[in-house]
């Protein structure tokens, strides 16, 4: 059974994934605050400050795969007060610690925010240029670049997952055209993470974390081919957006975003 370190295990995405994967992997759950991670027991629980390189080194010992979710998820945080430690230093520390520990793979939680600058009628591809519109997105683009560096300069298998609009509590999901086209359900995202853990012969890849939405902000062809992702959900269907609303969305954005990808 693979030993998987999950950073940010107490967060919105991490907590859902750990429940999903507990029976499949030997999990090491790491977070700044560990309250609530012990019950129910899903794996080994450790406190972790990702801005501390030595702490990251300790966390990565004996690990096969690192799923690096820990970050400041806000799009309006202060760079020096938060992003520098949590979204820049922490990223470097995890990759460096994983390299030193001889881990097989690091899966980096990137974000749809790295392509937020694309027009709504242009579907973003994994091989296209990044176009962030905020510092959070720029930090995630930095993480993708670090992943590429460690993959090809140091031989560490790295996959960056551009996570779309995730909200486990659907009542809190803001239903609009942008969010529907980037929607990713809990079960689809968890499946994608598992596919990324298990994929063979991947040195470096960027994959897109969206469901099989009727219209997709990010294409899925490469993701399907690279890791075998098979999304099950469609945000437009899940939130009851019918054909009339869909056609209105299409007319408003002259969308080239197609369900065929």
C-alpha atoms as a PDB file:
ATOM      1  CA  UNK A   1       0.000   0.000   0.000  1.00  0.00           C
ATOM      2  CA  UNK A   2       1.446   3.357  -1.036  1.00  0.00           C
ATOM      3  CA  UNK A   3       2.386   5.834   1.689  1.00  0.00           C
ATOM      4  CA  UNK A   4       0.791   9.167   0.713  1.00  0.00           C
ATOM      5  CA  UNK A   5       1.470  12.453   2.462  1.00  0.00           C
ATOM      6  CA  UNK A   6      -1.471  14.847   2.209  1.00  0.00           C
ATOM      7  CA  UNK A   7      -0.617  18.411   3.158  1.00  0.00           C
ATOM      8  CA  UNK A   8      -3.549  20.656   3.970  1.00  0.00           C
ATOM      9  CA  UNK A   9      -5.419  17.529   5.086  1.00  0.00           C
ATOM     10  CA  UNK A  10      -7.804  19.532   7.275  1.00  0.00           C
ATOM     11  CA  UNK A  11      -8.866  21.836   4.439  1.00  0.00           C
ATOM     12  CA  UNK A  12     -12.016  21.654   2.304  1.00  0.00           C
ATOM     13  CA  UNK A  13     -10.460  19.468  -0.369  1.00  0.00           C
ATOM     14  CA  UNK A  14      -8.015  17.582   1.829  1.00  0.00           C
ATOM     15  CA  UNK A  15     -10.640  16.464   4.330  1.00  0.00           C
ATOM     16  CA  UNK A  16     -12.854  15.085   1.552  1.00  0.00           C
ATOM     17  CA  UNK A  17      -9.991  13.289  -0.192  1.00  0.00           C
ATOM     18  CA  UNK A  18      -8.703  11.666   2.999  1.00  0.00           C
ATOM     19  CA  UNK A  19     -12.098  10.075   3.664  1.00  0.00           C
ATOM     20  CA  UNK A  20     -12.278   8.953   0.024  1.00  0.00           C
ATOM     21  CA  UNK A  21      -8.772   7.442  -0.024  1.00  0.00           C
ATOM     22  CA  UNK A  22      -8.340   6.091   3.500  1.00  0.00           C
ATOM     23  CA  UNK A  23      -8.977   2.469   2.513  1.00  0.00           C
ATOM     24  CA  UNK A  24      -6.683   2.623  -0.526  1.00  0.00           C
ATOM     25  CA  UNK A  25      -3.560   4.284   0.871  1.00  0.00           C
ATOM     26  CA  UNK A  26      -1.452   4.509   3.999  1.00  0.00           C
ATOM     27  CA  UNK A  27      -2.150   8.174   4.638  1.00  0.00           C
ATOM     28  CA  UNK A  28      -0.045  10.688   6.523  1.00  0.00           C
ATOM     29  CA  UNK A  29      -2.325  13.642   7.235  1.00  0.00           C
ATOM     30  CA  UNK A  30      -0.469  16.915   7.699  1.00  0.00           C
ATOM     31  CA  UNK A  31      -1.813  20.346   8.520  1.00  0.00           C
ATOM     32  CA  UNK A  32      -0.992  23.413  10.572  1.00  0.00           C
ATOM     33  CA  UNK A  33      -3.996  22.654  12.738  1.00  0.00           C
ATOM     34  CA  UNK A  34      -4.713  18.980  13.338  1.00  0.00           C
ATOM     35  CA  UNK A  35      -7.903  19.303  15.387  1.00  0.00           C
ATOM     36  CA  UNK A  36     -10.500  16.914  14.011  1.00  0.00           C
ATOM     37  CA  UNK A  37      -8.076  14.878  11.911  1.00  0.00           C
ATOM     38  CA  UNK A  38      -7.833  12.105  14.518  1.00  0.00           C
ATOM     39  CA  UNK A  39     -11.523  11.232  14.358  1.00  0.00           C
ATOM     40  CA  UNK A  40     -12.406   9.149  12.537  1.00  0.00           C
ATOM     41  CA  UNK A  41      -8.899   7.661  12.296  1.00  0.00           C
ATOM     42  CA  UNK A  42      -7.906   7.874   8.632  1.00  0.00           C
ATOM     43  CA  UNK A  43      -4.136   7.658   9.008  1.00  0.00           C
ATOM     44  CA  UNK A  44      -1.109   9.068  10.774  1.00  0.00           C
ATOM     45  CA  UNK A  45      -1.645  12.701  11.801  1.00  0.00           C
ATOM     46  CA  UNK A  46       1.209  15.203  12.065  1.00  0.00           C
ATOM     47  CA  UNK A  47       1.358  18.983  12.528  1.00  0.00           C
ATOM     48  CA  UNK A  48       3.151  20.750   9.689  1.00  0.00           C
ATOM     49  CA  UNK A  49       4.241  24.292   8.948  1.00  0.00           C
ATOM     50  CA  UNK A  50       5.115  24.158   5.271  1.00  0.00           C
ATOM     51  CA  UNK A  51       7.248  27.321   5.560  1.00  0.00           C
ATOM     52  CA  UNK A  52       9.624  25.250   7.728  1.00  0.00           C
ATOM     53  CA  UNK A  53      11.928  23.229   5.457  1.00  0.00           C
ATOM     54  CA  UNK A  54      13.082  20.887   8.218  1.00  0.00           C
ATOM     55  CA  UNK A  55       9.477  20.118   9.140  1.00  0.00           C
ATOM     56  CA  UNK A  56       8.772  19.303   5.482  1.00  0.00           C
ATOM     57  CA  UNK A  57      11.810  17.037   5.383  1.00  0.00           C
ATOM     58  CA  UNK A  58      10.495  15.105   8.352  1.00  0.00           C
ATOM     59  CA  UNK A  59       6.998  14.882   6.869  1.00  0.00           C
ATOM     60  CA  UNK A  60       8.298  13.433   3.579  1.00  0.00           C
ATOM     61  CA  UNK A  61      10.354  10.634   5.111  1.00  0.00           C
ATOM     62  CA  UNK A  62       9.214   7.200   3.984  1.00  0.00           C
ATOM     63  CA  UNK A  63       6.599   8.628   1.598  1.00  0.00           C
ATOM     64  CA  UNK A  64       5.852   7.377  -1.920  1.00  0.00           C
ATOM     65  CA  UNK A  65       3.651  10.264  -3.104  1.00  0.00           C
ATOM     66  CA  UNK A  66       3.018  13.772  -1.814  1.00  0.00           C
ATOM     67  CA  UNK A  67      -0.339  15.403  -2.494  1.00  0.00           C
ATOM     68  CA  UNK A  68       0.427  19.038  -1.773  1.00  0.00           C
ATOM     69  CA  UNK A  69      -2.822  20.853  -1.053  1.00  0.00           C
ATOM     70  CA  UNK A  70      -1.688  23.206   1.718  1.00  0.00           C
ATOM     71  CA  UNK A  71      -1.809  26.890   0.743  1.00  0.00           C
ATOM     72  CA  UNK A  72      -3.560  30.146   1.448  1.00  0.00           C
ATOM     73  CA  UNK A  73      -6.614  29.676  -0.835  1.00  0.00           C
ATOM     74  CA  UNK A  74      -7.724  33.303  -0.813  1.00  0.00           C
ATOM     75  CA  UNK A  75      -7.375  35.426  -3.926  1.00  0.00           C
ATOM     76  CA  UNK A  76      -6.924  38.684  -2.014  1.00  0.00           C
ATOM     77  CA  UNK A  77      -4.392  37.902   0.706  1.00  0.00           C
ATOM     78  CA  UNK A  78      -1.299  39.974   1.411  1.00  0.00           C
ATOM     79  CA  UNK A  79       1.841  38.710  -0.298  1.00  0.00           C
ATOM     80  CA  UNK A  80       4.295  39.270   2.552  1.00  0.00           C
ATOM     81  CA  UNK A  81       1.884  38.404   5.350  1.00  0.00           C
ATOM     82  CA  UNK A  82       0.687  35.128   3.817  1.00  0.00           C
ATOM     83  CA  UNK A  83       1.485  34.193   0.223  1.00  0.00           C
ATOM     84  CA  UNK A  84       5.253  34.323   0.613  1.00  0.00           C
ATOM     85  CA  UNK A  85       5.308  31.656   3.329  1.00  0.00           C
ATOM     86  CA  UNK A  86       2.283  29.601   2.365  1.00  0.00           C
ATOM     87  CA  UNK A  87       2.235  29.720  -1.432  1.00  0.00           C
ATOM     88  CA  UNK A  88       5.881  30.322  -2.376  1.00  0.00           C
ATOM     89  CA  UNK A  89       8.265  29.074   0.334  1.00  0.00           C
ATOM     90  CA  UNK A  90       5.936  26.228   1.211  1.00  0.00           C
ATOM     91  CA  UNK A  91       5.846  25.026  -2.392  1.00  0.00           C
ATOM     92  CA  UNK A  92       9.619  25.050  -2.719  1.00  0.00           C
ATOM     93  CA  UNK A  93      10.035  23.337   0.659  1.00  0.00           C
ATOM     94  CA  UNK A  94       7.706  20.467  -0.226  1.00  0.00           C
ATOM     95  CA  UNK A  95       9.356  19.790  -3.582  1.00  0.00           C
ATOM     96  CA  UNK A  96      12.846  20.007  -2.120  1.00  0.00           C
ATOM     97  CA  UNK A  97      11.950  17.814   0.845  1.00  0.00           C
ATOM     98  CA  UNK A  98      10.328  15.250  -1.453  1.00  0.00           C
ATOM     99  CA  UNK A  99      13.434  15.183  -3.636  1.00  0.00           C
ATOM    100  CA  UNK A 100      15.735  14.715  -0.671  1.00  0.00           C
ATOM    101  CA  UNK A 101      13.532  11.969   0.770  1.00  0.00           C
ATOM    102  CA  UNK A 102      13.457  10.033  -2.504  1.00  0.00           C
ATOM    103  CA  UNK A 103       9.706  10.291  -2.987  1.00  0.00           C
ATOM    104  CA  UNK A 104       8.359   8.875  -6.246  1.00  0.00           C
ATOM    105  CA  UNK A 105       5.968  11.715  -7.085  1.00  0.00           C
ATOM    106  CA  UNK A 106       4.618  15.106  -6.022  1.00  0.00           C
ATOM    107  CA  UNK A 107       1.100  16.129  -7.017  1.00  0.00           C
ATOM    108  CA  UNK A 108       0.765  19.893  -6.776  1.00  0.00           C
ATOM    109  CA  UNK A 109      -2.623  21.532  -6.300  1.00  0.00           C
ATOM    110  CA  UNK A 110      -2.617  24.299  -8.869  1.00  0.00           C
ATOM    111  CA  UNK A 111      -5.736  26.254  -9.765  1.00  0.00           C
ATOM    112  CA  UNK A 112      -7.982  27.461 -12.553  1.00  0.00           C
ATOM    113  CA  UNK A 113      -6.780  30.900 -11.441  1.00  0.00           C
ATOM    114  CA  UNK A 114      -3.628  30.408 -13.525  1.00  0.00           C
ATOM    115  CA  UNK A 115      -5.747  30.746 -16.687  1.00  0.00           C
ATOM    116  CA  UNK A 116      -8.301  33.246 -15.396  1.00  0.00           C
ATOM    117  CA  UNK A 117      -7.108  35.812 -17.930  1.00  0.00           C
ATOM    118  CA  UNK A 118      -8.406  33.824 -20.897  1.00  0.00           C
ATOM    119  CA  UNK A 119     -11.637  35.089 -22.508  1.00  0.00           C
ATOM    120  CA  UNK A 120     -14.657  33.028 -21.497  1.00  0.00           C
ATOM    121  CA  UNK A 121     -15.047  31.877 -25.089  1.00  0.00           C
ATOM    122  CA  UNK A 122     -11.496  30.510 -25.294  1.00  0.00           C
ATOM    123  CA  UNK A 123     -10.902  27.098 -23.834  1.00  0.00           C
ATOM    124  CA  UNK A 124      -7.619  26.829 -21.939  1.00  0.00           C
ATOM    125  CA  UNK A 125      -5.265  23.997 -22.807  1.00  0.00           C
ATOM    126  CA  UNK A 126      -2.609  22.402 -20.634  1.00  0.00           C
ATOM    127  CA  UNK A 127       0.121  23.448 -23.077  1.00  0.00           C
ATOM    128  CA  UNK A 128      -1.005  27.064 -23.417  1.00  0.00           C
ATOM    129  CA  UNK A 129       0.542  30.054 -21.610  1.00  0.00           C
ATOM    130  CA  UNK A 130      -0.567  30.876 -18.092  1.00  0.00           C
ATOM    131  CA  UNK A 131      -2.619  34.061 -17.712  1.00  0.00           C
ATOM    132  CA  UNK A 132      -3.267  34.760 -14.022  1.00  0.00           C
ATOM    133  CA  UNK A 133      -5.162  37.881 -13.008  1.00  0.00           C
ATOM    134  CA  UNK A 134      -4.237  37.917  -9.316  1.00  0.00           C
ATOM    135  CA  UNK A 135      -1.249  37.136  -7.099  1.00  0.00           C
ATOM    136  CA  UNK A 136      -2.801  33.881  -5.934  1.00  0.00           C
ATOM    137  CA  UNK A 137      -2.928  32.663  -9.535  1.00  0.00           C
ATOM    138  CA  UNK A 138       0.628  33.887 -10.117  1.00  0.00           C
ATOM    139  CA  UNK A 139       1.771  31.871  -7.087  1.00  0.00           C
ATOM    140  CA  UNK A 140       0.108  28.771  -8.532  1.00  0.00           C
ATOM    141  CA  UNK A 141       1.876  29.409 -11.847  1.00  0.00           C
ATOM    142  CA  UNK A 142       5.128  29.543  -9.856  1.00  0.00           C
ATOM    143  CA  UNK A 143       4.241  26.139  -8.400  1.00  0.00           C
ATOM    144  CA  UNK A 144       3.717  24.683 -11.865  1.00  0.00           C
ATOM    145  CA  UNK A 145       7.133  26.011 -12.898  1.00  0.00           C
ATOM    146  CA  UNK A 146       8.753  24.529  -9.779  1.00  0.00           C
ATOM    147  CA  UNK A 147       7.118  21.184 -10.611  1.00  0.00           C
ATOM    148  CA  UNK A 148       8.582  21.316 -14.132  1.00  0.00           C
ATOM    149  CA  UNK A 149      12.013  22.166 -12.716  1.00  0.00           C
ATOM    150  CA  UNK A 150      12.015  19.280 -10.240  1.00  0.00           C
ATOM    151  CA  UNK A 151      10.709  16.857 -12.840  1.00  0.00           C
ATOM    152  CA  UNK A 152      13.412  17.514 -15.417  1.00  0.00           C
ATOM    153  CA  UNK A 153      16.321  18.833 -13.356  1.00  0.00           C
ATOM    154  CA  UNK A 154      15.982  16.357 -10.479  1.00  0.00           C
ATOM    155  CA  UNK A 155      14.053  13.383 -11.886  1.00  0.00           C
ATOM    156  CA  UNK A 156      11.092  13.720  -9.509  1.00  0.00           C
ATOM    157  CA  UNK A 157       7.787  12.765 -11.138  1.00  0.00           C
ATOM    158  CA  UNK A 158       5.498  15.801 -10.838  1.00  0.00           C
ATOM    159  CA  UNK A 159       1.875  16.436 -11.767  1.00  0.00           C
ATOM    160  CA  UNK A 160       0.161  19.810 -11.392  1.00  0.00           C
ATOM    161  CA  UNK A 161      -3.626  19.672 -11.075  1.00  0.00           C
ATOM    162  CA  UNK A 162      -5.442  22.863 -12.035  1.00  0.00           C
ATOM    163  CA  UNK A 163      -8.405  22.593  -9.700  1.00  0.00           C
ATOM    164  CA  UNK A 164     -11.636  24.197 -10.864  1.00  0.00           C
ATOM    165  CA  UNK A 165     -14.573  25.496  -8.832  1.00  0.00           C
ATOM    166  CA  UNK A 166     -14.883  23.073  -5.932  1.00  0.00           C
ATOM    167  CA  UNK A 167     -17.513  23.324  -3.237  1.00  0.00           C
ATOM    168  CA  UNK A 168     -18.457  20.252  -1.241  1.00  0.00           C
ATOM    169  CA  UNK A 169     -21.467  22.045   0.207  1.00  0.00           C
ATOM    170  CA  UNK A 170     -23.559  22.658  -2.896  1.00  0.00           C
ATOM    171  CA  UNK A 171     -25.804  25.111  -1.056  1.00  0.00           C
ATOM    172  CA  UNK A 172     -22.810  27.458  -0.884  1.00  0.00           C
ATOM    173  CA  UNK A 173     -21.873  27.136  -4.555  1.00  0.00           C
ATOM    174  CA  UNK A 174     -22.298  30.359  -6.508  1.00  0.00           C
ATOM    175  CA  UNK A 175     -24.138  29.343  -9.680  1.00  0.00           C
ATOM    176  CA  UNK A 176     -22.953  31.444 -12.614  1.00  0.00           C
ATOM    177  CA  UNK A 177     -21.593  30.742 -16.080  1.00  0.00           C
ATOM    178  CA  UNK A 178     -17.957  30.948 -15.049  1.00  0.00           C
ATOM    179  CA  UNK A 179     -18.326  28.622 -12.054  1.00  0.00           C
ATOM    180  CA  UNK A 180     -20.449  26.091 -13.935  1.00  0.00           C
ATOM    181  CA  UNK A 181     -17.870  25.825 -16.719  1.00  0.00           C
ATOM    182  CA  UNK A 182     -15.099  25.239 -14.145  1.00  0.00           C
ATOM    183  CA  UNK A 183     -17.131  23.084 -11.728  1.00  0.00           C
ATOM    184  CA  UNK A 184     -15.522  19.965 -10.294  1.00  0.00           C
ATOM    185  CA  UNK A 185     -17.444  17.617  -8.055  1.00  0.00           C
ATOM    186  CA  UNK A 186     -15.951  15.982  -4.994  1.00  0.00           C
ATOM    187  CA  UNK A 187     -16.019  12.503  -6.479  1.00  0.00           C
ATOM    188  CA  UNK A 188     -14.494  13.644  -9.767  1.00  0.00           C
ATOM    189  CA  UNK A 189     -11.676  15.542  -8.057  1.00  0.00           C
ATOM    190  CA  UNK A 190     -10.934  12.645  -5.703  1.00  0.00           C
ATOM    191  CA  UNK A 191     -10.899  10.252  -8.643  1.00  0.00           C
ATOM    192  CA  UNK A 192      -8.496  12.564 -10.475  1.00  0.00           C
ATOM    193  CA  UNK A 193      -6.119  12.643  -7.505  1.00  0.00           C
ATOM    194  CA  UNK A 194      -6.126   8.838  -7.357  1.00  0.00           C
ATOM    195  CA  UNK A 195      -5.477   8.663 -11.100  1.00  0.00           C
ATOM    196  CA  UNK A 196      -2.546  11.033 -10.615  1.00  0.00           C
ATOM    197  CA  UNK A 197      -1.145   8.904  -7.793  1.00  0.00           C
ATOM    198  CA  UNK A 198      -1.402   5.698  -9.815  1.00  0.00           C
ATOM    199  CA  UNK A 199      -0.480   6.924 -13.316  1.00  0.00           C
ATOM    200  CA  UNK A 200       2.592   5.280 -14.779  1.00  0.00           C
ATOM    201  CA  UNK A 201       5.335   6.753 -16.959  1.00  0.00           C
ATOM    202  CA  UNK A 202       4.583  10.375 -16.161  1.00  0.00           C
ATOM    203  CA  UNK A 203       7.633  12.568 -15.640  1.00  0.00           C
ATOM    204  CA  UNK A 204       5.755  15.871 -15.736  1.00  0.00           C
ATOM    205  CA  UNK A 205       2.203  16.794 -16.570  1.00  0.00           C
ATOM    206  CA  UNK A 206      -0.360  19.512 -16.094  1.00  0.00           C
ATOM    207  CA  UNK A 207      -3.899  18.158 -15.823  1.00  0.00           C
ATOM    208  CA  UNK A 208      -7.240  19.898 -15.544  1.00  0.00           C
ATOM    209  CA  UNK A 209      -9.475  19.356 -12.545  1.00  0.00           C
ATOM    210  CA  UNK A 210     -12.961  19.978 -13.905  1.00  0.00           C
ATOM    211  CA  UNK A 211     -15.964  17.707 -14.230  1.00  0.00           C
ATOM    212  CA  UNK A 212     -17.467  16.650 -17.547  1.00  0.00           C
ATOM    213  CA  UNK A 213     -19.360  19.916 -17.776  1.00  0.00           C
ATOM    214  CA  UNK A 214     -21.487  20.701 -20.818  1.00  0.00           C
ATOM    215  CA  UNK A 215     -19.171  23.634 -21.430  1.00  0.00           C
ATOM    216  CA  UNK A 216     -15.652  23.477 -20.067  1.00  0.00           C
ATOM    217  CA  UNK A 217     -13.368  26.393 -19.250  1.00  0.00           C
ATOM    218  CA  UNK A 218     -10.422  23.983 -19.507  1.00  0.00           C
ATOM    219  CA  UNK A 219     -10.107  21.133 -22.013  1.00  0.00           C
ATOM    220  CA  UNK A 220      -9.996  17.552 -20.724  1.00  0.00           C
ATOM    221  CA  UNK A 221      -8.566  15.623 -23.680  1.00  0.00           C
ATOM    222  CA  UNK A 222      -4.983  15.753 -22.410  1.00  0.00           C
ATOM    223  CA  UNK A 223      -6.013  14.915 -18.863  1.00  0.00           C
ATOM    224  CA  UNK A 224      -7.988  11.878 -19.983  1.00  0.00           C
ATOM    225  CA  UNK A 225      -5.070  10.651 -22.082  1.00  0.00           C
ATOM    226  CA  UNK A 226      -2.353  11.337 -19.514  1.00  0.00           C
ATOM    227  CA  UNK A 227      -3.837   9.840 -16.349  1.00  0.00           C
ATOM    228  CA  UNK A 228      -6.997   8.042 -17.501  1.00  0.00           C
ATOM    229  CA  UNK A 229      -9.392  10.481 -15.842  1.00  0.00           C
ATOM    230  CA  UNK A 230     -13.081   9.607 -16.332  1.00  0.00           C
ATOM    231  CA  UNK A 231     -15.234  12.385 -14.842  1.00  0.00           C
ATOM    232  CA  UNK A 232     -18.797  11.423 -13.959  1.00  0.00           C
ATOM    233  CA  UNK A 233     -20.523  14.733 -13.256  1.00  0.00           C
ATOM    234  CA  UNK A 234     -21.690  17.836 -15.132  1.00  0.00           C
ATOM    235  CA  UNK A 235     -22.110  21.091 -13.246  1.00  0.00           C
ATOM    236  CA  UNK A 236     -24.859  22.299 -15.584  1.00  0.00           C
ATOM    237  CA  UNK A 237     -26.895  19.161 -14.830  1.00  0.00           C
ATOM    238  CA  UNK A 238     -25.992  19.022 -11.147  1.00  0.00           C
ATOM    239  CA  UNK A 239     -27.298  22.524 -10.532  1.00  0.00           C
ATOM    240  CA  UNK A 240     -30.358  22.129 -12.709  1.00  0.00           C
ATOM    241  CA  UNK A 241     -29.348  24.503 -15.478  1.00  0.00           C
ATOM    242  CA  UNK A 242     -31.642  23.568 -18.353  1.00  0.00           C
ATOM    243  CA  UNK A 243     -31.322  23.974 -22.093  1.00  0.00           C
ATOM    244  CA  UNK A 244     -32.783  27.486 -22.140  1.00  0.00           C
ATOM    245  CA  UNK A 245     -30.239  28.783 -19.627  1.00  0.00           C
ATOM    246  CA  UNK A 246     -27.457  26.917 -21.397  1.00  0.00           C
ATOM    247  CA  UNK A 247     -28.349  28.426 -24.759  1.00  0.00           C
ATOM    248  CA  UNK A 248     -28.432  31.882 -23.173  1.00  0.00           C
ATOM    249  CA  UNK A 249     -24.953  31.263 -21.739  1.00  0.00           C
ATOM    250  CA  UNK A 250     -23.767  30.166 -25.170  1.00  0.00           C
ATOM    251  CA  UNK A 251     -25.157  33.279 -26.868  1.00  0.00           C
ATOM    252  CA  UNK A 252     -23.677  35.592 -24.230  1.00  0.00           C
ATOM    253  CA  UNK A 253     -20.167  34.215 -24.595  1.00  0.00           C
ATOM    254  CA  UNK A 254     -20.144  32.969 -28.226  1.00  0.00           C
ATOM    255  CA  UNK A 255     -18.537  29.972 -26.605  1.00  0.00           C
ATOM    256  CA  UNK A 256     -16.097  27.671 -28.318  1.00  0.00           C
ATOM    257  CA  UNK A 257     -16.033  25.606 -25.134  1.00  0.00           C
ATOM    258  CA  UNK A 258     -17.290  22.230 -26.208  1.00  0.00           C
ATOM    259  CA  UNK A 259     -18.543  19.167 -24.398  1.00  0.00           C
ATOM    260  CA  UNK A 260     -16.585  16.989 -26.829  1.00  0.00           C
ATOM    261  CA  UNK A 261     -13.303  17.626 -25.046  1.00  0.00           C
END
